[in-house]
N, C-alpha and C. Protein backbone atom coordinates (compact mmCIF):
# COMPACT_ATOMS: atom_id res chain seq x y z
N TYR A 1 -1.27 22.41 -16.31
CA TYR A 1 -1.26 23.83 -16.59
C TYR A 1 -1.88 24.58 -15.43
N TYR A 2 -1.22 25.63 -14.93
CA TYR A 2 -1.73 26.45 -13.84
C TYR A 2 -2.29 27.74 -14.41
N GLY A 3 -3.57 28.02 -14.10
CA GLY A 3 -4.17 29.28 -14.48
C GLY A 3 -4.40 30.13 -13.25
N LYS A 4 -5.17 31.19 -13.39
CA LYS A 4 -5.45 32.07 -12.27
C LYS A 4 -6.54 31.43 -11.40
N GLY A 5 -6.12 30.71 -10.35
CA GLY A 5 -7.08 30.10 -9.44
C GLY A 5 -7.60 28.75 -9.89
N PHE A 6 -7.08 28.21 -10.98
CA PHE A 6 -7.55 26.90 -11.42
C PHE A 6 -6.40 26.12 -12.08
N LEU A 7 -6.62 24.81 -12.23
CA LEU A 7 -5.63 23.94 -12.83
C LEU A 7 -6.26 23.15 -13.97
N ILE A 8 -5.45 22.80 -14.96
CA ILE A 8 -5.88 21.90 -16.03
C ILE A 8 -4.89 20.73 -16.05
N ASP A 9 -5.41 19.52 -15.87
CA ASP A 9 -4.57 18.32 -15.84
C ASP A 9 -5.07 17.32 -16.88
N ILE A 10 -4.15 16.58 -17.48
CA ILE A 10 -4.49 15.45 -18.34
C ILE A 10 -3.90 14.19 -17.71
N TYR A 11 -4.75 13.17 -17.54
CA TYR A 11 -4.35 11.92 -16.90
C TYR A 11 -4.42 10.77 -17.90
N PHE A 12 -3.41 9.91 -17.85
CA PHE A 12 -3.38 8.69 -18.65
C PHE A 12 -3.49 7.52 -17.67
N TRP A 13 -4.62 6.82 -17.72
CA TRP A 13 -4.91 5.76 -16.76
C TRP A 13 -4.61 4.40 -17.38
N VAL A 14 -3.74 3.62 -16.72
CA VAL A 14 -3.47 2.26 -17.18
C VAL A 14 -4.00 1.22 -16.18
N ILE A 15 -4.17 1.61 -14.94
CA ILE A 15 -4.80 0.76 -13.92
C ILE A 15 -6.20 1.31 -13.67
N PRO A 16 -7.23 0.50 -13.75
CA PRO A 16 -8.60 1.04 -13.73
C PRO A 16 -9.11 1.47 -12.37
N GLU A 17 -8.69 0.83 -11.29
CA GLU A 17 -9.36 1.02 -10.01
C GLU A 17 -8.92 2.30 -9.32
N ILE A 18 -9.90 3.17 -9.02
CA ILE A 18 -9.66 4.40 -8.27
C ILE A 18 -10.49 4.33 -7.00
N ALA A 19 -9.93 4.77 -5.86
CA ALA A 19 -10.64 4.69 -4.59
C ALA A 19 -11.91 5.54 -4.61
N ILE A 20 -12.87 5.16 -3.79
CA ILE A 20 -14.07 5.99 -3.59
C ILE A 20 -13.64 7.21 -2.79
N HIS A 21 -13.97 8.40 -3.27
CA HIS A 21 -13.44 9.60 -2.64
C HIS A 21 -14.32 10.81 -2.91
N SER A 22 -14.11 11.84 -2.07
CA SER A 22 -14.66 13.17 -2.32
C SER A 22 -13.50 14.09 -2.68
N HIS A 23 -13.80 15.38 -2.89
CA HIS A 23 -12.76 16.31 -3.34
C HIS A 23 -12.74 17.59 -2.50
N SER A 24 -11.55 18.17 -2.41
CA SER A 24 -11.40 19.47 -1.75
C SER A 24 -11.34 20.60 -2.78
N PHE A 25 -11.89 20.35 -3.97
CA PHE A 25 -11.93 21.36 -5.02
C PHE A 25 -13.20 21.15 -5.84
N GLU A 26 -13.45 22.05 -6.77
CA GLU A 26 -14.59 21.97 -7.67
C GLU A 26 -14.09 22.01 -9.11
N GLY A 27 -14.91 21.55 -10.03
CA GLY A 27 -14.52 21.59 -11.43
C GLY A 27 -15.31 20.61 -12.26
N ALA A 28 -14.64 20.00 -13.23
CA ALA A 28 -15.28 19.01 -14.10
C ALA A 28 -14.19 18.21 -14.79
N PHE A 29 -14.57 17.00 -15.25
CA PHE A 29 -13.64 16.22 -16.05
C PHE A 29 -14.38 15.65 -17.26
N THR A 30 -13.61 15.38 -18.30
CA THR A 30 -14.16 14.77 -19.49
C THR A 30 -13.25 13.64 -19.95
N VAL A 31 -13.81 12.66 -20.61
CA VAL A 31 -13.04 11.56 -21.17
C VAL A 31 -12.59 11.96 -22.56
N LEU A 32 -11.28 11.95 -22.79
CA LEU A 32 -10.74 12.26 -24.10
C LEU A 32 -10.62 11.01 -24.97
N GLN A 33 -10.32 9.89 -24.33
CA GLN A 33 -10.15 8.64 -25.06
C GLN A 33 -10.53 7.48 -24.16
N GLY A 34 -11.26 6.52 -24.69
CA GLY A 34 -11.60 5.33 -23.93
C GLY A 34 -12.95 5.43 -23.24
N LYS A 35 -13.13 4.59 -22.22
CA LYS A 35 -14.39 4.54 -21.48
C LYS A 35 -14.09 4.48 -19.99
N SER A 36 -14.96 5.12 -19.20
CA SER A 36 -14.85 5.08 -17.75
C SER A 36 -16.23 4.79 -17.16
N LEU A 37 -16.25 3.93 -16.15
CA LEU A 37 -17.49 3.64 -15.44
C LEU A 37 -17.53 4.52 -14.20
N HIS A 38 -18.51 5.43 -14.15
CA HIS A 38 -18.59 6.41 -13.07
C HIS A 38 -19.66 5.99 -12.07
N CYS A 39 -19.26 5.85 -10.80
CA CYS A 39 -20.17 5.42 -9.73
C CYS A 39 -20.33 6.56 -8.72
N ASP A 40 -21.57 6.94 -8.47
CA ASP A 40 -21.91 8.06 -7.59
C ASP A 40 -22.45 7.51 -6.27
N TYR A 41 -21.91 8.00 -5.13
CA TYR A 41 -22.26 7.49 -3.81
C TYR A 41 -22.78 8.61 -2.90
N SER A 42 -23.48 8.19 -1.85
CA SER A 42 -23.80 9.07 -0.73
C SER A 42 -23.25 8.44 0.54
N PHE A 43 -22.97 9.28 1.55
CA PHE A 43 -22.47 8.79 2.83
C PHE A 43 -23.21 9.52 3.94
N SER A 44 -23.91 8.78 4.77
CA SER A 44 -24.62 9.36 5.92
C SER A 44 -23.88 8.97 7.20
N THR A 45 -23.43 9.97 7.95
CA THR A 45 -22.61 9.74 9.14
C THR A 45 -23.47 9.26 10.31
N ARG A 46 -22.99 8.21 10.98
CA ARG A 46 -23.63 7.73 12.20
C ARG A 46 -22.82 8.08 13.45
N GLU A 47 -21.50 8.16 13.29
CA GLU A 47 -20.65 8.39 14.46
C GLU A 47 -19.30 8.93 14.00
N LYS A 48 -18.73 9.82 14.79
CA LYS A 48 -17.38 10.31 14.54
C LYS A 48 -16.44 9.71 15.57
N ILE A 49 -15.31 9.17 15.12
CA ILE A 49 -14.31 8.57 16.01
C ILE A 49 -13.08 9.46 16.00
N GLY A 50 -12.76 10.02 17.16
CA GLY A 50 -11.64 10.94 17.23
C GLY A 50 -11.95 12.19 16.42
N SER A 51 -10.91 12.76 15.84
CA SER A 51 -11.09 14.00 15.08
C SER A 51 -11.10 13.79 13.57
N GLN A 52 -10.84 12.54 13.10
CA GLN A 52 -10.65 12.39 11.66
C GLN A 52 -11.47 11.28 11.01
N VAL A 53 -11.97 10.33 11.77
CA VAL A 53 -12.61 9.14 11.20
C VAL A 53 -14.12 9.20 11.41
N PHE A 54 -14.87 8.82 10.37
CA PHE A 54 -16.33 8.78 10.45
C PHE A 54 -16.83 7.38 10.15
N LEU A 55 -17.84 6.96 10.92
CA LEU A 55 -18.57 5.73 10.64
C LEU A 55 -19.93 6.13 10.08
N GLY A 56 -20.37 5.42 9.06
CA GLY A 56 -21.66 5.75 8.46
C GLY A 56 -22.07 4.69 7.47
N ASP A 57 -22.92 5.07 6.55
CA ASP A 57 -23.43 4.14 5.54
C ASP A 57 -23.11 4.69 4.16
N LEU A 58 -22.34 3.93 3.40
CA LEU A 58 -21.96 4.30 2.05
C LEU A 58 -22.91 3.61 1.07
N ILE A 59 -23.65 4.41 0.31
CA ILE A 59 -24.70 3.88 -0.56
C ILE A 59 -24.41 4.25 -2.02
N LEU A 60 -24.43 3.26 -2.90
CA LEU A 60 -24.30 3.51 -4.33
C LEU A 60 -25.61 4.08 -4.87
N ARG A 61 -25.53 5.27 -5.50
CA ARG A 61 -26.74 5.93 -5.99
C ARG A 61 -26.94 5.78 -7.49
N GLN A 62 -25.86 5.85 -8.25
CA GLN A 62 -26.01 5.86 -9.71
C GLN A 62 -24.72 5.38 -10.37
N VAL A 63 -24.86 4.68 -11.49
CA VAL A 63 -23.72 4.23 -12.30
C VAL A 63 -23.93 4.75 -13.72
N ARG A 64 -22.87 5.33 -14.28
CA ARG A 64 -22.96 5.93 -15.62
C ARG A 64 -21.71 5.57 -16.41
N LEU A 65 -21.88 5.10 -17.63
CA LEU A 65 -20.74 4.81 -18.49
C LEU A 65 -20.37 6.07 -19.27
N LEU A 66 -19.14 6.53 -19.08
CA LEU A 66 -18.66 7.73 -19.75
C LEU A 66 -17.79 7.34 -20.94
N SER A 67 -18.06 7.93 -22.08
CA SER A 67 -17.27 7.72 -23.29
C SER A 67 -16.66 9.04 -23.73
N SER A 68 -15.85 8.98 -24.78
CA SER A 68 -15.16 10.17 -25.26
C SER A 68 -16.13 11.33 -25.49
N GLY A 69 -15.84 12.46 -24.85
CA GLY A 69 -16.67 13.66 -24.98
C GLY A 69 -17.65 13.87 -23.85
N ASP A 70 -17.92 12.84 -23.04
CA ASP A 70 -18.84 13.00 -21.91
C ASP A 70 -18.17 13.81 -20.80
N VAL A 71 -18.97 14.63 -20.11
CA VAL A 71 -18.46 15.54 -19.08
C VAL A 71 -19.16 15.24 -17.75
N GLN A 72 -18.38 15.23 -16.66
CA GLN A 72 -18.92 15.04 -15.32
C GLN A 72 -18.49 16.19 -14.42
N GLU A 73 -19.46 16.86 -13.80
CA GLU A 73 -19.15 17.95 -12.87
C GLU A 73 -18.56 17.39 -11.58
N ILE A 74 -17.62 18.13 -10.99
CA ILE A 74 -17.03 17.78 -9.69
C ILE A 74 -17.49 18.83 -8.68
N LEU A 75 -18.19 18.39 -7.65
CA LEU A 75 -18.66 19.27 -6.59
C LEU A 75 -17.76 19.14 -5.37
N LEU A 76 -17.82 20.14 -4.51
CA LEU A 76 -16.94 20.20 -3.35
C LEU A 76 -17.46 19.33 -2.21
N GLY A 77 -16.57 18.57 -1.59
CA GLY A 77 -16.91 17.85 -0.37
C GLY A 77 -17.86 16.69 -0.57
N ARG A 78 -18.66 16.40 0.45
CA ARG A 78 -19.49 15.20 0.47
C ARG A 78 -20.71 15.27 -0.45
N GLN A 79 -20.95 16.41 -1.05
CA GLN A 79 -22.05 16.46 -2.01
C GLN A 79 -21.69 15.72 -3.30
N PHE A 80 -20.42 15.32 -3.43
CA PHE A 80 -19.99 14.56 -4.60
C PHE A 80 -18.96 13.52 -4.16
N ILE A 81 -19.42 12.29 -3.95
CA ILE A 81 -18.57 11.16 -3.59
C ILE A 81 -18.63 10.17 -4.75
N HIS A 82 -17.48 9.81 -5.30
CA HIS A 82 -17.53 8.98 -6.50
C HIS A 82 -16.35 8.03 -6.60
N GLN A 83 -16.50 7.08 -7.50
CA GLN A 83 -15.44 6.15 -7.88
C GLN A 83 -15.48 6.02 -9.39
N VAL A 84 -14.31 6.04 -10.01
CA VAL A 84 -14.23 5.92 -11.46
C VAL A 84 -13.40 4.69 -11.80
N TRP A 85 -13.98 3.81 -12.62
CA TRP A 85 -13.26 2.65 -13.13
C TRP A 85 -12.88 2.94 -14.59
N HIS A 86 -11.58 3.08 -14.84
CA HIS A 86 -11.10 3.38 -16.19
C HIS A 86 -10.90 2.06 -16.92
N VAL A 87 -11.89 1.68 -17.72
CA VAL A 87 -11.93 0.33 -18.26
C VAL A 87 -11.14 0.16 -19.56
N SER A 88 -10.85 1.24 -20.25
CA SER A 88 -10.03 1.14 -21.46
C SER A 88 -8.55 1.19 -21.09
N PHE A 89 -7.72 0.69 -21.98
CA PHE A 89 -6.27 0.65 -21.71
C PHE A 89 -5.51 1.28 -22.87
N PRO A 90 -5.06 2.55 -22.71
CA PRO A 90 -5.31 3.40 -21.55
C PRO A 90 -6.61 4.19 -21.71
N THR A 91 -7.05 4.81 -20.62
CA THR A 91 -8.11 5.82 -20.67
C THR A 91 -7.45 7.18 -20.44
N VAL A 92 -7.85 8.18 -21.21
CA VAL A 92 -7.28 9.52 -21.08
C VAL A 92 -8.39 10.47 -20.67
N SER A 93 -8.16 11.22 -19.61
CA SER A 93 -9.16 12.18 -19.15
C SER A 93 -8.52 13.55 -18.91
N LEU A 94 -9.33 14.56 -19.04
CA LEU A 94 -8.91 15.95 -18.81
C LEU A 94 -9.73 16.52 -17.67
N VAL A 95 -9.05 17.17 -16.71
CA VAL A 95 -9.70 17.76 -15.54
C VAL A 95 -9.41 19.24 -15.49
N ILE A 96 -10.45 20.04 -15.29
CA ILE A 96 -10.30 21.47 -15.01
C ILE A 96 -10.88 21.70 -13.62
N ARG A 97 -10.08 22.27 -12.72
CA ARG A 97 -10.53 22.37 -11.33
C ARG A 97 -9.93 23.57 -10.63
N THR A 98 -10.56 23.92 -9.51
CA THR A 98 -10.02 24.96 -8.66
C THR A 98 -8.85 24.39 -7.86
N VAL A 99 -8.07 25.27 -7.25
CA VAL A 99 -6.95 24.86 -6.42
C VAL A 99 -7.49 24.31 -5.11
N LYS A 100 -6.87 23.24 -4.58
CA LYS A 100 -7.32 22.63 -3.34
C LYS A 100 -7.21 23.60 -2.17
N VAL A 101 -8.21 23.52 -1.28
CA VAL A 101 -8.17 24.26 -0.02
C VAL A 101 -8.43 23.23 1.08
N ARG A 102 -7.40 22.49 1.46
CA ARG A 102 -7.60 21.36 2.35
C ARG A 102 -8.11 21.78 3.73
N SER A 103 -7.65 22.91 4.23
CA SER A 103 -8.05 23.32 5.57
C SER A 103 -9.53 23.66 5.65
N ARG A 104 -10.11 24.06 4.52
CA ARG A 104 -11.52 24.44 4.52
C ARG A 104 -12.44 23.25 4.31
N ARG A 105 -12.08 22.33 3.46
CA ARG A 105 -12.93 21.18 3.18
C ARG A 105 -12.04 20.00 2.80
N PRO A 106 -11.63 19.18 3.78
CA PRO A 106 -10.69 18.09 3.48
C PRO A 106 -11.30 17.07 2.53
N GLN A 107 -10.43 16.40 1.81
CA GLN A 107 -10.84 15.33 0.90
C GLN A 107 -10.85 14.02 1.67
N PHE A 108 -11.86 13.17 1.42
CA PHE A 108 -11.98 11.91 2.14
C PHE A 108 -11.93 10.72 1.19
N ASP A 109 -11.41 9.60 1.70
CA ASP A 109 -11.53 8.30 1.05
C ASP A 109 -12.56 7.49 1.82
N TYR A 110 -13.33 6.68 1.10
CA TYR A 110 -14.42 5.90 1.70
C TYR A 110 -14.17 4.42 1.46
N PHE A 111 -14.36 3.65 2.52
CA PHE A 111 -14.09 2.22 2.48
C PHE A 111 -15.38 1.48 2.78
N LYS A 112 -15.86 0.73 1.78
CA LYS A 112 -17.12 0.02 1.95
C LYS A 112 -17.02 -0.96 3.12
N PRO A 113 -18.11 -1.07 3.92
CA PRO A 113 -19.38 -0.33 3.75
C PRO A 113 -19.59 0.83 4.72
N PHE A 114 -18.62 1.09 5.67
CA PHE A 114 -18.96 1.99 6.77
C PHE A 114 -17.96 3.09 7.10
N LEU A 115 -16.77 3.14 6.46
CA LEU A 115 -15.69 3.99 6.93
C LEU A 115 -15.40 5.16 6.00
N ALA A 116 -15.05 6.31 6.62
CA ALA A 116 -14.54 7.47 5.88
C ALA A 116 -13.35 8.02 6.63
N ILE A 117 -12.21 8.16 5.93
CA ILE A 117 -11.01 8.73 6.54
C ILE A 117 -10.43 9.78 5.59
N PRO A 118 -9.69 10.77 6.11
CA PRO A 118 -9.12 11.80 5.24
C PRO A 118 -8.14 11.21 4.23
N SER A 119 -8.22 11.70 3.00
CA SER A 119 -7.25 11.27 1.99
C SER A 119 -5.84 11.71 2.36
N HIS A 120 -5.75 12.85 3.03
CA HIS A 120 -4.47 13.38 3.49
C HIS A 120 -4.58 13.62 5.00
N PRO A 121 -4.51 12.54 5.80
CA PRO A 121 -4.75 12.67 7.24
C PRO A 121 -3.74 13.59 7.92
N ASN A 122 -4.19 14.17 9.01
CA ASN A 122 -3.35 15.09 9.77
C ASN A 122 -2.43 14.27 10.67
N LEU A 123 -1.32 13.82 10.11
CA LEU A 123 -0.37 12.99 10.84
C LEU A 123 0.90 13.78 11.13
N SER A 124 1.46 13.52 12.28
CA SER A 124 2.70 14.19 12.66
C SER A 124 3.85 13.68 11.80
N LEU A 125 4.94 14.45 11.80
CA LEU A 125 6.14 14.03 11.06
C LEU A 125 6.65 12.71 11.60
N LEU A 126 6.56 12.52 12.93
CA LEU A 126 6.99 11.26 13.53
C LEU A 126 6.16 10.11 13.00
N ARG A 127 4.82 10.27 12.93
CA ARG A 127 3.97 9.19 12.47
C ARG A 127 4.25 8.86 10.99
N LEU A 128 4.51 9.87 10.18
CA LEU A 128 4.86 9.62 8.78
C LEU A 128 6.14 8.80 8.68
N LYS A 129 7.12 9.12 9.53
CA LYS A 129 8.37 8.34 9.54
C LYS A 129 8.11 6.92 10.01
N GLN A 130 7.20 6.76 10.98
CA GLN A 130 6.87 5.42 11.47
C GLN A 130 6.18 4.60 10.39
N LEU A 131 5.30 5.22 9.62
CA LEU A 131 4.66 4.52 8.51
C LEU A 131 5.69 4.09 7.46
N ALA A 132 6.64 4.97 7.20
CA ALA A 132 7.70 4.61 6.25
C ALA A 132 8.52 3.44 6.77
N THR A 133 8.78 3.42 8.08
CA THR A 133 9.52 2.32 8.68
C THR A 133 8.73 1.02 8.59
N LEU A 134 7.43 1.10 8.85
CA LEU A 134 6.57 -0.08 8.75
C LEU A 134 6.56 -0.62 7.32
N ARG A 135 6.53 0.28 6.35
CA ARG A 135 6.56 -0.14 4.94
C ARG A 135 7.89 -0.84 4.63
N MET A 136 8.97 -0.29 5.15
CA MET A 136 10.28 -0.91 4.92
C MET A 136 10.34 -2.31 5.54
N LEU A 137 9.83 -2.47 6.77
CA LEU A 137 9.84 -3.77 7.44
C LEU A 137 9.01 -4.78 6.65
N ASN A 138 7.90 -4.32 6.07
CA ASN A 138 7.06 -5.21 5.27
C ASN A 138 7.77 -5.62 3.99
N ARG A 139 8.37 -4.66 3.31
CA ARG A 139 9.01 -4.96 2.03
C ARG A 139 10.22 -5.88 2.21
N THR A 140 10.90 -5.77 3.36
CA THR A 140 12.08 -6.60 3.60
C THR A 140 11.73 -7.89 4.34
N LYS A 141 10.41 -8.10 4.58
CA LYS A 141 9.93 -9.32 5.27
C LYS A 141 10.60 -9.49 6.62
N SER A 142 10.72 -8.41 7.35
CA SER A 142 11.38 -8.44 8.65
C SER A 142 10.49 -9.10 9.70
N PRO A 143 11.07 -9.93 10.59
CA PRO A 143 10.29 -10.52 11.67
C PRO A 143 9.81 -9.49 12.70
N LEU A 144 10.34 -8.25 12.63
CA LEU A 144 9.95 -7.19 13.55
C LEU A 144 8.67 -6.48 13.12
N GLU A 145 8.20 -6.77 11.92
CA GLU A 145 7.07 -6.01 11.36
C GLU A 145 5.82 -6.05 12.25
N LYS A 146 5.38 -7.24 12.64
CA LYS A 146 4.13 -7.36 13.38
C LYS A 146 4.26 -6.75 14.77
N THR A 147 5.42 -6.92 15.40
CA THR A 147 5.64 -6.31 16.72
C THR A 147 5.61 -4.80 16.62
N TYR A 148 6.24 -4.28 15.59
CA TYR A 148 6.28 -2.82 15.39
C TYR A 148 4.88 -2.27 15.12
N LEU A 149 4.07 -2.99 14.33
CA LEU A 149 2.70 -2.56 14.06
C LEU A 149 1.89 -2.49 15.35
N ARG A 150 1.99 -3.52 16.19
CA ARG A 150 1.24 -3.51 17.46
C ARG A 150 1.69 -2.35 18.35
N LYS A 151 2.99 -2.06 18.37
CA LYS A 151 3.48 -0.94 19.18
C LYS A 151 2.90 0.38 18.69
N LEU A 152 2.89 0.58 17.37
CA LEU A 152 2.32 1.81 16.83
C LEU A 152 0.85 1.94 17.20
N LEU A 153 0.11 0.85 17.12
CA LEU A 153 -1.32 0.89 17.43
C LEU A 153 -1.55 1.20 18.91
N ARG A 154 -0.76 0.60 19.79
CA ARG A 154 -0.92 0.85 21.23
C ARG A 154 -0.59 2.29 21.59
N ASP A 155 0.33 2.89 20.84
CA ASP A 155 0.74 4.28 21.12
C ASP A 155 -0.11 5.31 20.40
N SER A 156 -1.10 4.87 19.63
CA SER A 156 -1.88 5.77 18.79
C SER A 156 -3.22 6.11 19.41
N LYS A 157 -3.75 7.28 19.06
CA LYS A 157 -5.16 7.55 19.33
C LYS A 157 -5.98 6.65 18.43
N ILE A 158 -7.25 6.44 18.80
CA ILE A 158 -8.06 5.46 18.08
C ILE A 158 -8.23 5.82 16.61
N ASP A 159 -8.42 7.11 16.29
CA ASP A 159 -8.60 7.47 14.89
C ASP A 159 -7.31 7.30 14.10
N ASP A 160 -6.16 7.61 14.73
CA ASP A 160 -4.88 7.37 14.07
C ASP A 160 -4.66 5.88 13.83
N GLY A 161 -5.09 5.05 14.80
CA GLY A 161 -4.95 3.62 14.65
C GLY A 161 -5.76 3.08 13.49
N ILE A 162 -6.99 3.58 13.31
CA ILE A 162 -7.83 3.15 12.19
C ILE A 162 -7.18 3.53 10.87
N ILE A 163 -6.69 4.77 10.79
CA ILE A 163 -6.03 5.23 9.57
C ILE A 163 -4.80 4.38 9.28
N LEU A 164 -4.03 4.08 10.32
CA LEU A 164 -2.83 3.26 10.16
C LEU A 164 -3.19 1.88 9.59
N LEU A 165 -4.24 1.25 10.12
CA LEU A 165 -4.62 -0.09 9.66
C LEU A 165 -5.13 -0.06 8.23
N CYS A 166 -5.90 0.97 7.87
CA CYS A 166 -6.37 1.09 6.48
C CYS A 166 -5.19 1.24 5.53
N LYS A 167 -4.23 2.08 5.89
CA LYS A 167 -3.06 2.28 5.03
C LYS A 167 -2.20 1.01 4.99
N TYR A 168 -2.12 0.30 6.11
CA TYR A 168 -1.35 -0.94 6.13
C TYR A 168 -1.97 -1.98 5.20
N PHE A 169 -3.31 -2.08 5.20
CA PHE A 169 -3.97 -3.04 4.32
C PHE A 169 -3.78 -2.65 2.86
N GLN A 170 -3.88 -1.35 2.54
CA GLN A 170 -3.65 -0.91 1.17
C GLN A 170 -2.23 -1.27 0.72
N MET A 171 -1.31 -1.24 1.66
CA MET A 171 0.09 -1.51 1.34
C MET A 171 0.35 -3.01 1.18
N THR A 172 -0.25 -3.85 2.04
CA THR A 172 0.10 -5.27 2.09
C THR A 172 -0.98 -6.18 1.50
N ARG A 173 -2.23 -5.72 1.50
CA ARG A 173 -3.36 -6.57 1.09
C ARG A 173 -3.40 -7.86 1.89
N ASP A 174 -2.95 -7.80 3.15
CA ASP A 174 -2.93 -8.97 4.02
C ASP A 174 -3.86 -8.72 5.20
N PRO A 175 -5.07 -9.29 5.21
CA PRO A 175 -6.01 -9.03 6.29
C PRO A 175 -5.70 -9.79 7.57
N THR A 176 -4.90 -10.87 7.51
CA THR A 176 -4.70 -11.71 8.69
C THR A 176 -3.96 -10.95 9.80
N VAL A 177 -2.95 -10.17 9.43
CA VAL A 177 -2.20 -9.40 10.43
C VAL A 177 -3.10 -8.38 11.10
N ILE A 178 -3.99 -7.75 10.33
CA ILE A 178 -4.87 -6.72 10.89
C ILE A 178 -5.90 -7.36 11.82
N ARG A 179 -6.45 -8.50 11.45
CA ARG A 179 -7.41 -9.18 12.33
C ARG A 179 -6.75 -9.53 13.67
N ARG A 180 -5.51 -9.98 13.61
CA ARG A 180 -4.79 -10.32 14.84
C ARG A 180 -4.53 -9.07 15.68
N ALA A 181 -4.16 -7.99 15.02
CA ALA A 181 -3.87 -6.75 15.75
C ALA A 181 -5.12 -6.19 16.42
N LEU A 182 -6.27 -6.32 15.77
CA LEU A 182 -7.52 -5.82 16.36
C LEU A 182 -7.86 -6.57 17.64
N LYS A 183 -7.48 -7.84 17.72
CA LYS A 183 -7.73 -8.61 18.93
C LYS A 183 -6.75 -8.24 20.04
N GLN A 184 -5.54 -7.81 19.66
CA GLN A 184 -4.48 -7.59 20.63
C GLN A 184 -4.42 -6.17 21.17
N VAL A 185 -5.17 -5.25 20.54
CA VAL A 185 -5.14 -3.84 20.98
C VAL A 185 -6.55 -3.45 21.42
N PRO A 186 -6.85 -3.50 22.72
CA PRO A 186 -8.21 -3.27 23.22
C PRO A 186 -8.82 -1.92 22.84
N LYS A 187 -8.00 -0.88 22.73
CA LYS A 187 -8.55 0.45 22.45
C LYS A 187 -9.25 0.52 21.09
N LEU A 188 -8.97 -0.46 20.20
CA LEU A 188 -9.58 -0.46 18.87
C LEU A 188 -10.88 -1.26 18.82
N ALA A 189 -11.42 -1.61 19.99
CA ALA A 189 -12.63 -2.44 20.03
C ALA A 189 -13.78 -1.80 19.26
N LYS A 190 -13.95 -0.49 19.39
CA LYS A 190 -15.05 0.19 18.70
C LYS A 190 -14.90 0.11 17.18
N ALA A 191 -13.68 0.04 16.71
CA ALA A 191 -13.44 0.01 15.27
C ALA A 191 -13.39 -1.40 14.71
N ARG A 192 -13.45 -2.39 15.58
CA ARG A 192 -13.27 -3.78 15.14
C ARG A 192 -14.29 -4.18 14.07
N SER A 193 -15.57 -3.97 14.35
CA SER A 193 -16.62 -4.42 13.43
C SER A 193 -16.54 -3.71 12.07
N PRO A 194 -16.47 -2.36 12.02
CA PRO A 194 -16.39 -1.72 10.70
C PRO A 194 -15.11 -2.06 9.93
N LEU A 195 -13.99 -2.22 10.64
CA LEU A 195 -12.76 -2.57 9.96
C LEU A 195 -12.81 -4.00 9.41
N LEU A 196 -13.36 -4.93 10.18
CA LEU A 196 -13.48 -6.30 9.68
C LEU A 196 -14.42 -6.37 8.49
N SER A 197 -15.50 -5.56 8.50
CA SER A 197 -16.41 -5.52 7.36
C SER A 197 -15.69 -5.00 6.12
N TYR A 198 -14.87 -3.96 6.31
CA TYR A 198 -14.09 -3.42 5.19
C TYR A 198 -13.11 -4.46 4.66
N LEU A 199 -12.41 -5.15 5.56
CA LEU A 199 -11.43 -6.14 5.13
C LEU A 199 -12.08 -7.26 4.34
N LYS A 200 -13.24 -7.72 4.81
CA LYS A 200 -13.93 -8.79 4.09
C LYS A 200 -14.34 -8.33 2.70
N HIS A 201 -14.91 -7.13 2.63
CA HIS A 201 -15.36 -6.63 1.33
C HIS A 201 -14.18 -6.44 0.39
N ALA A 202 -13.09 -5.86 0.89
CA ALA A 202 -11.93 -5.59 0.04
C ALA A 202 -11.22 -6.88 -0.37
N SER A 203 -11.15 -7.84 0.55
CA SER A 203 -10.45 -9.09 0.25
C SER A 203 -11.18 -9.90 -0.81
N ASP A 204 -12.49 -9.74 -0.88
CA ASP A 204 -13.27 -10.46 -1.89
C ASP A 204 -13.05 -9.91 -3.30
N GLY A 205 -12.46 -8.73 -3.39
CA GLY A 205 -12.33 -8.10 -4.71
C GLY A 205 -10.93 -7.67 -5.06
N ILE A 206 -9.93 -8.45 -4.67
CA ILE A 206 -8.54 -8.12 -4.99
C ILE A 206 -8.16 -8.74 -6.33
N TYR A 207 -7.77 -7.89 -7.26
CA TYR A 207 -7.35 -8.36 -8.58
C TYR A 207 -6.00 -7.76 -8.93
N ASN A 208 -5.25 -8.46 -9.73
CA ASN A 208 -4.00 -7.92 -10.25
C ASN A 208 -4.31 -7.21 -11.56
N TRP A 209 -4.70 -5.94 -11.46
CA TRP A 209 -5.15 -5.21 -12.64
C TRP A 209 -4.05 -5.05 -13.68
N ALA A 210 -2.80 -5.14 -13.27
CA ALA A 210 -1.70 -5.00 -14.24
C ALA A 210 -1.74 -6.12 -15.28
N ASP A 211 -2.38 -7.24 -14.92
CA ASP A 211 -2.47 -8.37 -15.85
C ASP A 211 -3.74 -8.34 -16.69
N ILE A 212 -4.61 -7.35 -16.48
CA ILE A 212 -5.89 -7.29 -17.18
C ILE A 212 -5.94 -5.98 -17.97
N SER A 213 -5.69 -6.05 -19.25
CA SER A 213 -5.70 -4.84 -20.08
C SER A 213 -6.85 -4.85 -21.11
N ASN A 214 -7.46 -6.00 -21.33
CA ASN A 214 -8.56 -6.09 -22.29
C ASN A 214 -9.80 -5.40 -21.73
N GLU A 215 -10.41 -4.53 -22.51
CA GLU A 215 -11.55 -3.74 -22.04
C GLU A 215 -12.72 -4.62 -21.60
N GLY A 216 -13.01 -5.65 -22.36
CA GLY A 216 -14.11 -6.55 -22.01
C GLY A 216 -13.86 -7.28 -20.70
N GLU A 217 -12.62 -7.74 -20.49
CA GLU A 217 -12.29 -8.43 -19.26
C GLU A 217 -12.34 -7.48 -18.07
N ARG A 218 -11.96 -6.21 -18.27
CA ARG A 218 -12.04 -5.25 -17.18
C ARG A 218 -13.50 -4.98 -16.78
N PHE A 219 -14.39 -4.91 -17.74
CA PHE A 219 -15.82 -4.77 -17.43
C PHE A 219 -16.27 -5.94 -16.57
């Protein structure tokens, strides 16, 4: 529902895992049905890479179990970084929020333990088409996939390369190709350590959530 300067959305969650992220809007959400595990984080920046990527320390501050009727405020930007695990099947939540203003305060995704990248990165139309091509090569198991990935990385600025590798891992869940690419593309040397730390952390926690619908097992 669209109101004057705000939106009302109802979400039905069947997969529990939501990325750690901040928001480009303000508002609040409540659980209408089920349970959600709410994790609150802080991120302290140590270094900026290019114009879009940040290195820092992502720290878990608080965990709260939300049940039907509980309300959580949504703050703008890095003052509110969170992850929600929707443990019931399904979980239903209602969100009331302002309209996004991406140019004023972009939304970020955070990758444990050190990376922050824009949820909607500033990529050219060409780069978006290249990402779509890479996805097609992966889905069709093309032998050109790895060569094409290395070419994109060599032609990219370092921050675009980091974003590309994060999106590639989210798409394939295959860390071996990324480890090889980091060795073969010298310009990504600065990003090697934080990206490898992210890959190790993420690889240790890959689950097929579609096969886990029992609330107790999800906990």
